[in-house]
Amino acid sequence: MKIDILTLFPEMLEAALKTSIIGRAESNGLISINCVQIRDFAFNKHRQVDDYPYGGGQGMVMQAEPIFKAYESVTEGLSYKPKTIYLSPQGKTFRQSTAKRLAKEKHLVLLCGHYEGVDQRVLNEIVDMEISIGDFVLTGGEIAAMAVVDATARMIPGVLSSEMSFSDESHFDGLLEYPQFTRPAVWHDIKVPEVLQNGNHKLIEEWKREKAIENTFKKRRGMLRNAKLTQKEKKFVEELKKKN
């Protein structure tokens, strides 16, 4: 997958996305991440890319032309239109299911806004979808872009060691993850559950599934409405409701 990020702060993104699993995935040729400095396409000597909003209001608005030129720099000559995303608090909430869908794209372009927003005309012309990572406002779209790239890249085959690396994680199948333990077997007089130490894989998998459901019930109960549960698991949820 090719990922182009249009931003005023490429160094901020590169510091996070060139390390750990995502950095290794790029080194191995599984993804390509290119951060484009929007200021390079400013049409004034001060490299200014914002101006006062028409109609008045607080703050400044990013101009359409520098963004459009930056976009053209990564799309010129392509025989297709890459999936273009604007990171915005007005967008649809980003979820694990969104990451799965985006992981099937061959080319993403992410636009990071700043100041009080972006000239609507360029959004209308180049953007396919708006994404929000939550109901709050950030200074710019860079942090949101990092989250989207990281979550999406993990879903690309080969980025993680195997499908099992992410299929047990929180949100992958509509549930939160089960509790995790490591050595020592006893810490502060608290023992690791015996079932995890007995080597019976069938019992271990049953325990993990039950604890994932229980964890979801305690922390994010609303998720259970959309989780794929067996009849036995649905009865287990009803039992939890009676106890709580």
C-alpha atoms as a PDB file:
ATOM      1  CA  MET A   1       0.000   0.000   0.000  1.00  0.00           C
ATOM      2  CA  LYS A   2       1.100   3.534  -0.766  1.00  0.00           C
ATOM      3  CA  ILE A   3       0.177   6.231   1.752  1.00  0.00           C
ATOM      4  CA  ASP A   4       0.676   9.931   1.074  1.00  0.00           C
ATOM      5  CA  ILE A   5       0.063  12.362   3.941  1.00  0.00           C
ATOM      6  CA  LEU A   6      -0.446  16.055   3.176  1.00  0.00           C
ATOM      7  CA  THR A   7       0.608  18.010   6.244  1.00  0.00           C
ATOM      8  CA  LEU A   8       2.221  21.144   7.661  1.00  0.00           C
ATOM      9  CA  PHE A   9       4.277  19.005  10.075  1.00  0.00           C
ATOM     10  CA  PRO A  10       5.869  16.061   8.222  1.00  0.00           C
ATOM     11  CA  GLU A  11       8.585  15.697  10.853  1.00  0.00           C
ATOM     12  CA  MET A  12       5.929  14.991  13.478  1.00  0.00           C
ATOM     13  CA  LEU A  13       4.484  12.118  11.451  1.00  0.00           C
ATOM     14  CA  GLU A  14       7.813  10.686  10.348  1.00  0.00           C
ATOM     15  CA  ALA A  15       9.039  10.458  13.936  1.00  0.00           C
ATOM     16  CA  ALA A  16       6.114   8.185  14.804  1.00  0.00           C
ATOM     17  CA  LEU A  17       5.560   6.236  11.584  1.00  0.00           C
ATOM     18  CA  LYS A  18       9.169   5.339  10.779  1.00  0.00           C
ATOM     19  CA  THR A  19       9.606   3.238  13.930  1.00  0.00           C
ATOM     20  CA  SER A  20       8.358  -0.026  15.451  1.00  0.00           C
ATOM     21  CA  ILE A  21       6.036  -2.307  13.450  1.00  0.00           C
ATOM     22  CA  ILE A  22       5.040   0.324  10.871  1.00  0.00           C
ATOM     23  CA  GLY A  23       8.667   1.288  10.255  1.00  0.00           C
ATOM     24  CA  ARG A  24       9.621  -2.370   9.767  1.00  0.00           C
ATOM     25  CA  ALA A  25       6.686  -2.877   7.389  1.00  0.00           C
ATOM     26  CA  GLU A  26       7.966  -0.023   5.245  1.00  0.00           C
ATOM     27  CA  SER A  27      11.524  -1.377   5.334  1.00  0.00           C
ATOM     28  CA  ASN A  28      10.153  -4.728   4.161  1.00  0.00           C
ATOM     29  CA  GLY A  29       8.321  -3.118   1.245  1.00  0.00           C
ATOM     30  CA  LEU A  30       4.799  -3.844   2.501  1.00  0.00           C
ATOM     31  CA  ILE A  31       3.821  -0.173   2.742  1.00  0.00           C
ATOM     32  CA  SER A  32       5.228   3.112   1.529  1.00  0.00           C
ATOM     33  CA  ILE A  33       4.620   6.267   3.567  1.00  0.00           C
ATOM     34  CA  ASN A  34       5.327   9.678   2.046  1.00  0.00           C
ATOM     35  CA  CYS A  35       4.782  12.897   3.989  1.00  0.00           C
ATOM     36  CA  VAL A  36       4.244  15.969   1.806  1.00  0.00           C
ATOM     37  CA  GLN A  37       4.891  19.461   3.173  1.00  0.00           C
ATOM     38  CA  ILE A  38       1.950  21.617   2.057  1.00  0.00           C
ATOM     39  CA  ARG A  39       4.007  24.796   2.539  1.00  0.00           C
ATOM     40  CA  ASP A  40       6.205  23.727  -0.377  1.00  0.00           C
ATOM     41  CA  PHE A  41       3.246  24.594  -2.606  1.00  0.00           C
ATOM     42  CA  ALA A  42       2.538  28.026  -1.168  1.00  0.00           C
ATOM     43  CA  PHE A  43       2.391  30.822  -3.759  1.00  0.00           C
ATOM     44  CA  ASN A  44       4.007  33.591  -1.688  1.00  0.00           C
ATOM     45  CA  LYS A  45       7.539  34.189  -0.469  1.00  0.00           C
ATOM     46  CA  HIS A  46       6.589  33.711   3.179  1.00  0.00           C
ATOM     47  CA  ARG A  47       5.216  30.196   2.458  1.00  0.00           C
ATOM     48  CA  GLN A  48       1.919  31.218   4.026  1.00  0.00           C
ATOM     49  CA  VAL A  49      -0.878  28.696   3.437  1.00  0.00           C
ATOM     50  CA  ASP A  50      -3.685  30.256   5.487  1.00  0.00           C
ATOM     51  CA  ASP A  51      -5.823  33.392   5.337  1.00  0.00           C
ATOM     52  CA  TYR A  52      -8.723  35.101   7.092  1.00  0.00           C
ATOM     53  CA  PRO A  53     -12.132  33.443   6.622  1.00  0.00           C
ATOM     54  CA  TYR A  54     -14.802  35.111   4.495  1.00  0.00           C
ATOM     55  CA  GLY A  55     -17.721  36.198   6.655  1.00  0.00           C
ATOM     56  CA  GLY A  56     -15.552  36.761   9.678  1.00  0.00           C
ATOM     57  CA  GLY A  57     -14.889  34.425  12.550  1.00  0.00           C
ATOM     58  CA  GLN A  58     -12.060  33.320  14.777  1.00  0.00           C
ATOM     59  CA  GLY A  59      -8.695  32.077  13.510  1.00  0.00           C
ATOM     60  CA  MET A  60      -7.383  31.356  10.048  1.00  0.00           C
ATOM     61  CA  VAL A  61      -8.400  28.916   7.304  1.00  0.00           C
ATOM     62  CA  MET A  62      -6.075  26.829   5.137  1.00  0.00           C
ATOM     63  CA  GLN A  63      -6.191  27.911   1.506  1.00  0.00           C
ATOM     64  CA  ALA A  64      -7.375  25.621  -1.263  1.00  0.00           C
ATOM     65  CA  GLU A  65      -4.578  26.108  -3.817  1.00  0.00           C
ATOM     66  CA  PRO A  66      -1.533  24.894  -1.795  1.00  0.00           C
ATOM     67  CA  ILE A  67      -3.475  21.809  -0.708  1.00  0.00           C
ATOM     68  CA  PHE A  68      -4.621  21.115  -4.251  1.00  0.00           C
ATOM     69  CA  LYS A  69      -1.083  21.480  -5.611  1.00  0.00           C
ATOM     70  CA  ALA A  70       0.238  19.144  -2.907  1.00  0.00           C
ATOM     71  CA  TYR A  71      -2.469  16.649  -3.860  1.00  0.00           C
ATOM     72  CA  GLU A  72      -1.586  16.941  -7.541  1.00  0.00           C
ATOM     73  CA  SER A  73       2.057  16.219  -6.711  1.00  0.00           C
ATOM     74  CA  VAL A  74       1.164  12.724  -5.495  1.00  0.00           C
ATOM     75  CA  THR A  75      -1.592  11.922  -7.996  1.00  0.00           C
ATOM     76  CA  GLU A  76      -0.183  13.275 -11.258  1.00  0.00           C
ATOM     77  CA  GLY A  77       0.057  10.568 -13.902  1.00  0.00           C
ATOM     78  CA  LEU A  78      -2.004   8.017 -11.979  1.00  0.00           C
ATOM     79  CA  SER A  79      -4.612   6.006 -13.878  1.00  0.00           C
ATOM     80  CA  TYR A  80      -6.822   5.884 -10.794  1.00  0.00           C
ATOM     81  CA  LYS A  81      -7.986   8.179  -7.997  1.00  0.00           C
ATOM     82  CA  PRO A  82      -6.513   7.220  -4.617  1.00  0.00           C
ATOM     83  CA  LYS A  83      -8.837   7.046  -1.630  1.00  0.00           C
ATOM     84  CA  THR A  84      -8.527  10.549  -0.211  1.00  0.00           C
ATOM     85  CA  ILE A  85      -9.348  11.161   3.447  1.00  0.00           C
ATOM     86  CA  TYR A  86      -9.654  14.388   5.404  1.00  0.00           C
ATOM     87  CA  LEU A  87      -9.009  14.014   9.142  1.00  0.00           C
ATOM     88  CA  SER A  88     -11.785  16.069  10.717  1.00  0.00           C
ATOM     89  CA  PRO A  89     -13.853  16.132  13.945  1.00  0.00           C
ATOM     90  CA  GLN A  90     -16.882  16.293  11.624  1.00  0.00           C
ATOM     91  CA  GLY A  91     -16.072  12.960  10.003  1.00  0.00           C
ATOM     92  CA  LYS A  92     -17.414   9.475  10.620  1.00  0.00           C
ATOM     93  CA  THR A  93     -15.898   7.864  13.697  1.00  0.00           C
ATOM     94  CA  PHE A  94     -12.912   5.665  12.868  1.00  0.00           C
ATOM     95  CA  ARG A  95     -13.392   2.058  13.975  1.00  0.00           C
ATOM     96  CA  GLN A  96     -11.621  -1.264  13.565  1.00  0.00           C
ATOM     97  CA  SER A  97     -14.031  -2.080  10.742  1.00  0.00           C
ATOM     98  CA  THR A  98     -12.890   1.119   8.990  1.00  0.00           C
ATOM     99  CA  ALA A  99      -9.263   0.033   9.294  1.00  0.00           C
ATOM    100  CA  LYS A 100     -10.120  -3.347   7.728  1.00  0.00           C
ATOM    101  CA  ARG A 101     -11.818  -1.676   4.764  1.00  0.00           C
ATOM    102  CA  LEU A 102      -9.018   0.843   4.207  1.00  0.00           C
ATOM    103  CA  ALA A 103      -6.402  -1.936   4.354  1.00  0.00           C
ATOM    104  CA  LYS A 104      -7.832  -3.249   1.064  1.00  0.00           C
ATOM    105  CA  GLU A 105      -7.047   0.012  -0.758  1.00  0.00           C
ATOM    106  CA  LYS A 106      -3.845   0.212  -2.805  1.00  0.00           C
ATOM    107  CA  HIS A 107      -3.318   3.943  -2.267  1.00  0.00           C
ATOM    108  CA  LEU A 108      -4.450   6.344   0.445  1.00  0.00           C
ATOM    109  CA  VAL A 109      -4.019  10.113   0.581  1.00  0.00           C
ATOM    110  CA  LEU A 110      -4.572  11.667   4.015  1.00  0.00           C
ATOM    111  CA  LEU A 111      -5.098  15.400   4.430  1.00  0.00           C
ATOM    112  CA  CYS A 112      -4.237  16.915   7.802  1.00  0.00           C
ATOM    113  CA  GLY A 113      -6.027  20.184   8.461  1.00  0.00           C
ATOM    114  CA  HIS A 114      -4.852  22.890  10.827  1.00  0.00           C
ATOM    115  CA  TYR A 115      -5.886  26.278  12.215  1.00  0.00           C
ATOM    116  CA  GLU A 116      -9.686  26.691  12.047  1.00  0.00           C
ATOM    117  CA  GLY A 117     -10.145  24.361   9.097  1.00  0.00           C
ATOM    118  CA  VAL A 118      -9.751  24.045   5.338  1.00  0.00           C
ATOM    119  CA  ASP A 119     -11.364  25.903   2.431  1.00  0.00           C
ATOM    120  CA  GLN A 120     -14.447  23.808   1.650  1.00  0.00           C
ATOM    121  CA  ARG A 121     -13.889  24.035  -2.113  1.00  0.00           C
ATOM    122  CA  VAL A 122     -10.777  21.873  -2.086  1.00  0.00           C
ATOM    123  CA  LEU A 123     -12.462  19.365   0.214  1.00  0.00           C
ATOM    124  CA  ASN A 124     -15.338  19.073  -2.240  1.00  0.00           C
ATOM    125  CA  GLU A 125     -12.924  18.558  -5.123  1.00  0.00           C
ATOM    126  CA  ILE A 126     -10.490  15.953  -3.784  1.00  0.00           C
ATOM    127  CA  VAL A 127     -11.842  14.301  -0.611  1.00  0.00           C
ATOM    128  CA  ASP A 128     -13.710  10.972  -0.704  1.00  0.00           C
ATOM    129  CA  MET A 129     -14.403  10.661   3.011  1.00  0.00           C
ATOM    130  CA  GLU A 130     -13.890  12.461   6.314  1.00  0.00           C
ATOM    131  CA  ILE A 131     -12.707  10.547   9.366  1.00  0.00           C
ATOM    132  CA  SER A 132     -12.780  11.487  13.045  1.00  0.00           C
ATOM    133  CA  ILE A 133     -10.996   9.545  15.778  1.00  0.00           C
ATOM    134  CA  GLY A 134     -13.410  10.780  18.438  1.00  0.00           C
ATOM    135  CA  ASP A 135     -15.723  13.531  19.562  1.00  0.00           C
ATOM    136  CA  PHE A 136     -13.048  16.018  20.506  1.00  0.00           C
ATOM    137  CA  VAL A 137     -10.939  18.631  18.711  1.00  0.00           C
ATOM    138  CA  LEU A 138      -7.193  18.391  18.118  1.00  0.00           C
ATOM    139  CA  THR A 139      -4.825  21.167  17.075  1.00  0.00           C
ATOM    140  CA  GLY A 140      -4.333  19.489  13.717  1.00  0.00           C
ATOM    141  CA  GLY A 141      -4.974  16.272  11.839  1.00  0.00           C
ATOM    142  CA  GLU A 142      -1.518  14.778  12.345  1.00  0.00           C
ATOM    143  CA  ILE A 143      -2.292  12.774  15.499  1.00  0.00           C
ATOM    144  CA  ALA A 144      -5.452  11.428  13.899  1.00  0.00           C
ATOM    145  CA  ALA A 145      -3.510  10.520  10.749  1.00  0.00           C
ATOM    146  CA  MET A 146      -0.989   8.559  12.819  1.00  0.00           C
ATOM    147  CA  ALA A 147      -3.805   6.589  14.423  1.00  0.00           C
ATOM    148  CA  VAL A 148      -5.472   5.832  11.093  1.00  0.00           C
ATOM    149  CA  VAL A 149      -2.213   4.761   9.409  1.00  0.00           C
ATOM    150  CA  ASP A 150      -1.124   2.597  12.337  1.00  0.00           C
ATOM    151  CA  ALA A 151      -4.466   0.815  12.727  1.00  0.00           C
ATOM    152  CA  THR A 152      -4.874   0.327   8.970  1.00  0.00           C
ATOM    153  CA  ALA A 153      -1.328  -0.873   8.291  1.00  0.00           C
ATOM    154  CA  ARG A 154      -1.682  -3.585  10.943  1.00  0.00           C
ATOM    155  CA  MET A 155      -4.488  -5.116   8.864  1.00  0.00           C
ATOM    156  CA  ILE A 156      -2.319  -5.469   5.743  1.00  0.00           C
ATOM    157  CA  PRO A 157      -1.181  -9.089   5.244  1.00  0.00           C
ATOM    158  CA  GLY A 158       2.426  -9.573   6.297  1.00  0.00           C
ATOM    159  CA  VAL A 159       2.730  -6.473   8.483  1.00  0.00           C
ATOM    160  CA  LEU A 160       2.183  -8.556  11.616  1.00  0.00           C
ATOM    161  CA  SER A 161       3.680 -12.014  12.018  1.00  0.00           C
ATOM    162  CA  SER A 162       0.347 -13.769  11.510  1.00  0.00           C
ATOM    163  CA  GLU A 163      -3.396 -13.126  11.504  1.00  0.00           C
ATOM    164  CA  MET A 164      -3.471 -14.327  15.109  1.00  0.00           C
ATOM    165  CA  SER A 165      -1.429 -11.262  16.020  1.00  0.00           C
ATOM    166  CA  PHE A 166      -4.481  -9.060  15.540  1.00  0.00           C
ATOM    167  CA  SER A 167      -7.493 -11.403  15.515  1.00  0.00           C
ATOM    168  CA  ASP A 168      -7.434 -11.668  19.324  1.00  0.00           C
ATOM    169  CA  GLU A 169      -7.070  -7.932  19.896  1.00  0.00           C
ATOM    170  CA  SER A 170      -9.747  -5.618  21.224  1.00  0.00           C
ATOM    171  CA  HIS A 171     -12.400  -4.570  18.664  1.00  0.00           C
ATOM    172  CA  PHE A 172     -11.306  -7.043  15.969  1.00  0.00           C
ATOM    173  CA  ASP A 173     -14.414  -9.223  16.315  1.00  0.00           C
ATOM    174  CA  GLY A 174     -16.642  -6.835  18.241  1.00  0.00           C
ATOM    175  CA  LEU A 175     -15.270  -7.683  21.680  1.00  0.00           C
ATOM    176  CA  LEU A 176     -12.597  -6.297  23.957  1.00  0.00           C
ATOM    177  CA  GLU A 177      -9.544  -8.456  24.541  1.00  0.00           C
ATOM    178  CA  TYR A 178      -9.290 -10.940  27.408  1.00  0.00           C
ATOM    179  CA  PRO A 179      -6.884 -10.216  30.344  1.00  0.00           C
ATOM    180  CA  GLN A 180      -3.202 -10.905  29.671  1.00  0.00           C
ATOM    181  CA  PHE A 181      -0.553 -12.307  32.043  1.00  0.00           C
ATOM    182  CA  THR A 182       3.181 -13.032  31.889  1.00  0.00           C
ATOM    183  CA  ARG A 183       5.929 -14.278  34.225  1.00  0.00           C
ATOM    184  CA  PRO A 184       6.281 -14.613  37.140  1.00  0.00           C
ATOM    185  CA  ALA A 185       3.369 -16.940  37.842  1.00  0.00           C
ATOM    186  CA  VAL A 186       2.894 -15.271  41.241  1.00  0.00           C
ATOM    187  CA  TRP A 187       3.223 -11.508  41.702  1.00  0.00           C
ATOM    188  CA  HIS A 188       2.217  -9.641  44.884  1.00  0.00           C
ATOM    189  CA  ASP A 189       0.662 -12.939  46.052  1.00  0.00           C
ATOM    190  CA  ILE A 190      -1.624 -12.952  42.988  1.00  0.00           C
ATOM    191  CA  LYS A 191      -1.470 -16.064  40.812  1.00  0.00           C
ATOM    192  CA  VAL A 192      -1.882 -16.331  37.073  1.00  0.00           C
ATOM    193  CA  PRO A 193      -5.142 -18.255  36.398  1.00  0.00           C
ATOM    194  CA  GLU A 194      -4.451 -21.976  36.521  1.00  0.00           C
ATOM    195  CA  VAL A 195      -6.192 -22.649  33.216  1.00  0.00           C
ATOM    196  CA  LEU A 196      -3.503 -20.635  31.387  1.00  0.00           C
ATOM    197  CA  GLN A 197      -0.765 -22.848  32.808  1.00  0.00           C
ATOM    198  CA  ASN A 198      -2.194 -26.332  32.270  1.00  0.00           C
ATOM    199  CA  GLY A 199      -1.441 -26.606  28.533  1.00  0.00           C
ATOM    200  CA  ASN A 200      -5.011 -27.594  27.592  1.00  0.00           C
ATOM    201  CA  HIS A 201      -5.511 -25.407  24.509  1.00  0.00           C
ATOM    202  CA  LYS A 202      -9.235 -26.083  24.246  1.00  0.00           C
ATOM    203  CA  LEU A 203      -9.853 -24.930  27.811  1.00  0.00           C
ATOM    204  CA  ILE A 204      -7.534 -21.957  27.310  1.00  0.00           C
ATOM    205  CA  GLU A 205      -9.446 -20.800  24.230  1.00  0.00           C
ATOM    206  CA  GLU A 206     -12.772 -21.200  26.047  1.00  0.00           C
ATOM    207  CA  TRP A 207     -11.414 -19.173  28.989  1.00  0.00           C
ATOM    208  CA  LYS A 208     -10.149 -16.418  26.678  1.00  0.00           C
ATOM    209  CA  ARG A 209     -13.490 -16.151  24.900  1.00  0.00           C
ATOM    210  CA  GLU A 210     -15.468 -16.055  28.136  1.00  0.00           C
ATOM    211  CA  LYS A 211     -13.177 -13.439  29.649  1.00  0.00           C
ATOM    212  CA  ALA A 212     -13.358 -11.320  26.477  1.00  0.00           C
ATOM    213  CA  ILE A 213     -17.148 -11.295  26.750  1.00  0.00           C
ATOM    214  CA  GLU A 214     -16.981 -10.540  30.473  1.00  0.00           C
ATOM    215  CA  ASN A 215     -14.435  -7.743  29.915  1.00  0.00           C
ATOM    216  CA  THR A 216     -16.621  -6.207  27.203  1.00  0.00           C
ATOM    217  CA  PHE A 217     -19.674  -6.434  29.458  1.00  0.00           C
ATOM    218  CA  LYS A 218     -17.867  -4.578  32.257  1.00  0.00           C
ATOM    219  CA  LYS A 219     -16.203  -1.859  30.183  1.00  0.00           C
ATOM    220  CA  ARG A 220     -18.130  -1.362  26.913  1.00  0.00           C
ATOM    221  CA  ARG A 221     -21.457  -3.148  27.331  1.00  0.00           C
ATOM    222  CA  GLY A 222     -22.992  -1.539  24.251  1.00  0.00           C
ATOM    223  CA  MET A 223     -20.532  -3.389  21.992  1.00  0.00           C
ATOM    224  CA  LEU A 224     -22.227  -6.691  22.801  1.00  0.00           C
ATOM    225  CA  ARG A 225     -25.269  -5.669  20.757  1.00  0.00           C
ATOM    226  CA  ASN A 226     -23.261  -6.120  17.551  1.00  0.00           C
ATOM    227  CA  ALA A 227     -20.892  -8.901  18.634  1.00  0.00           C
ATOM    228  CA  LYS A 228     -21.306 -12.326  17.044  1.00  0.00           C
ATOM    229  CA  LEU A 229     -22.216 -14.578  19.960  1.00  0.00           C
ATOM    230  CA  THR A 230     -23.358 -18.187  20.128  1.00  0.00           C
ATOM    231  CA  GLN A 231     -26.552 -19.079  22.003  1.00  0.00           C
ATOM    232  CA  LYS A 232     -24.408 -20.321  24.893  1.00  0.00           C
ATOM    233  CA  GLU A 233     -22.528 -17.022  24.984  1.00  0.00           C
ATOM    234  CA  LYS A 234     -25.768 -15.043  24.887  1.00  0.00           C
ATOM    235  CA  LYS A 235     -26.946 -16.980  27.939  1.00  0.00           C
ATOM    236  CA  PHE A 236     -23.654 -16.144  29.628  1.00  0.00           C
ATOM    237  CA  VAL A 237     -24.308 -12.438  28.968  1.00  0.00           C
ATOM    238  CA  GLU A 238     -27.792 -12.773  30.494  1.00  0.00           C
ATOM    239  CA  GLU A 239     -26.228 -14.339  33.592  1.00  0.00           C
ATOM    240  CA  LEU A 240     -23.813 -11.408  33.848  1.00  0.00           C
ATOM    241  CA  LYS A 241     -26.735  -8.985  33.659  1.00  0.00           C
ATOM    242  CA  LYS A 242     -28.480 -10.746  36.540  1.00  0.00           C
ATOM    243  CA  LYS A 243     -25.352 -10.531  38.681  1.00  0.00           C
ATOM    244  CA  ASN A 244     -24.909  -6.838  37.909  1.00  0.00           C
END
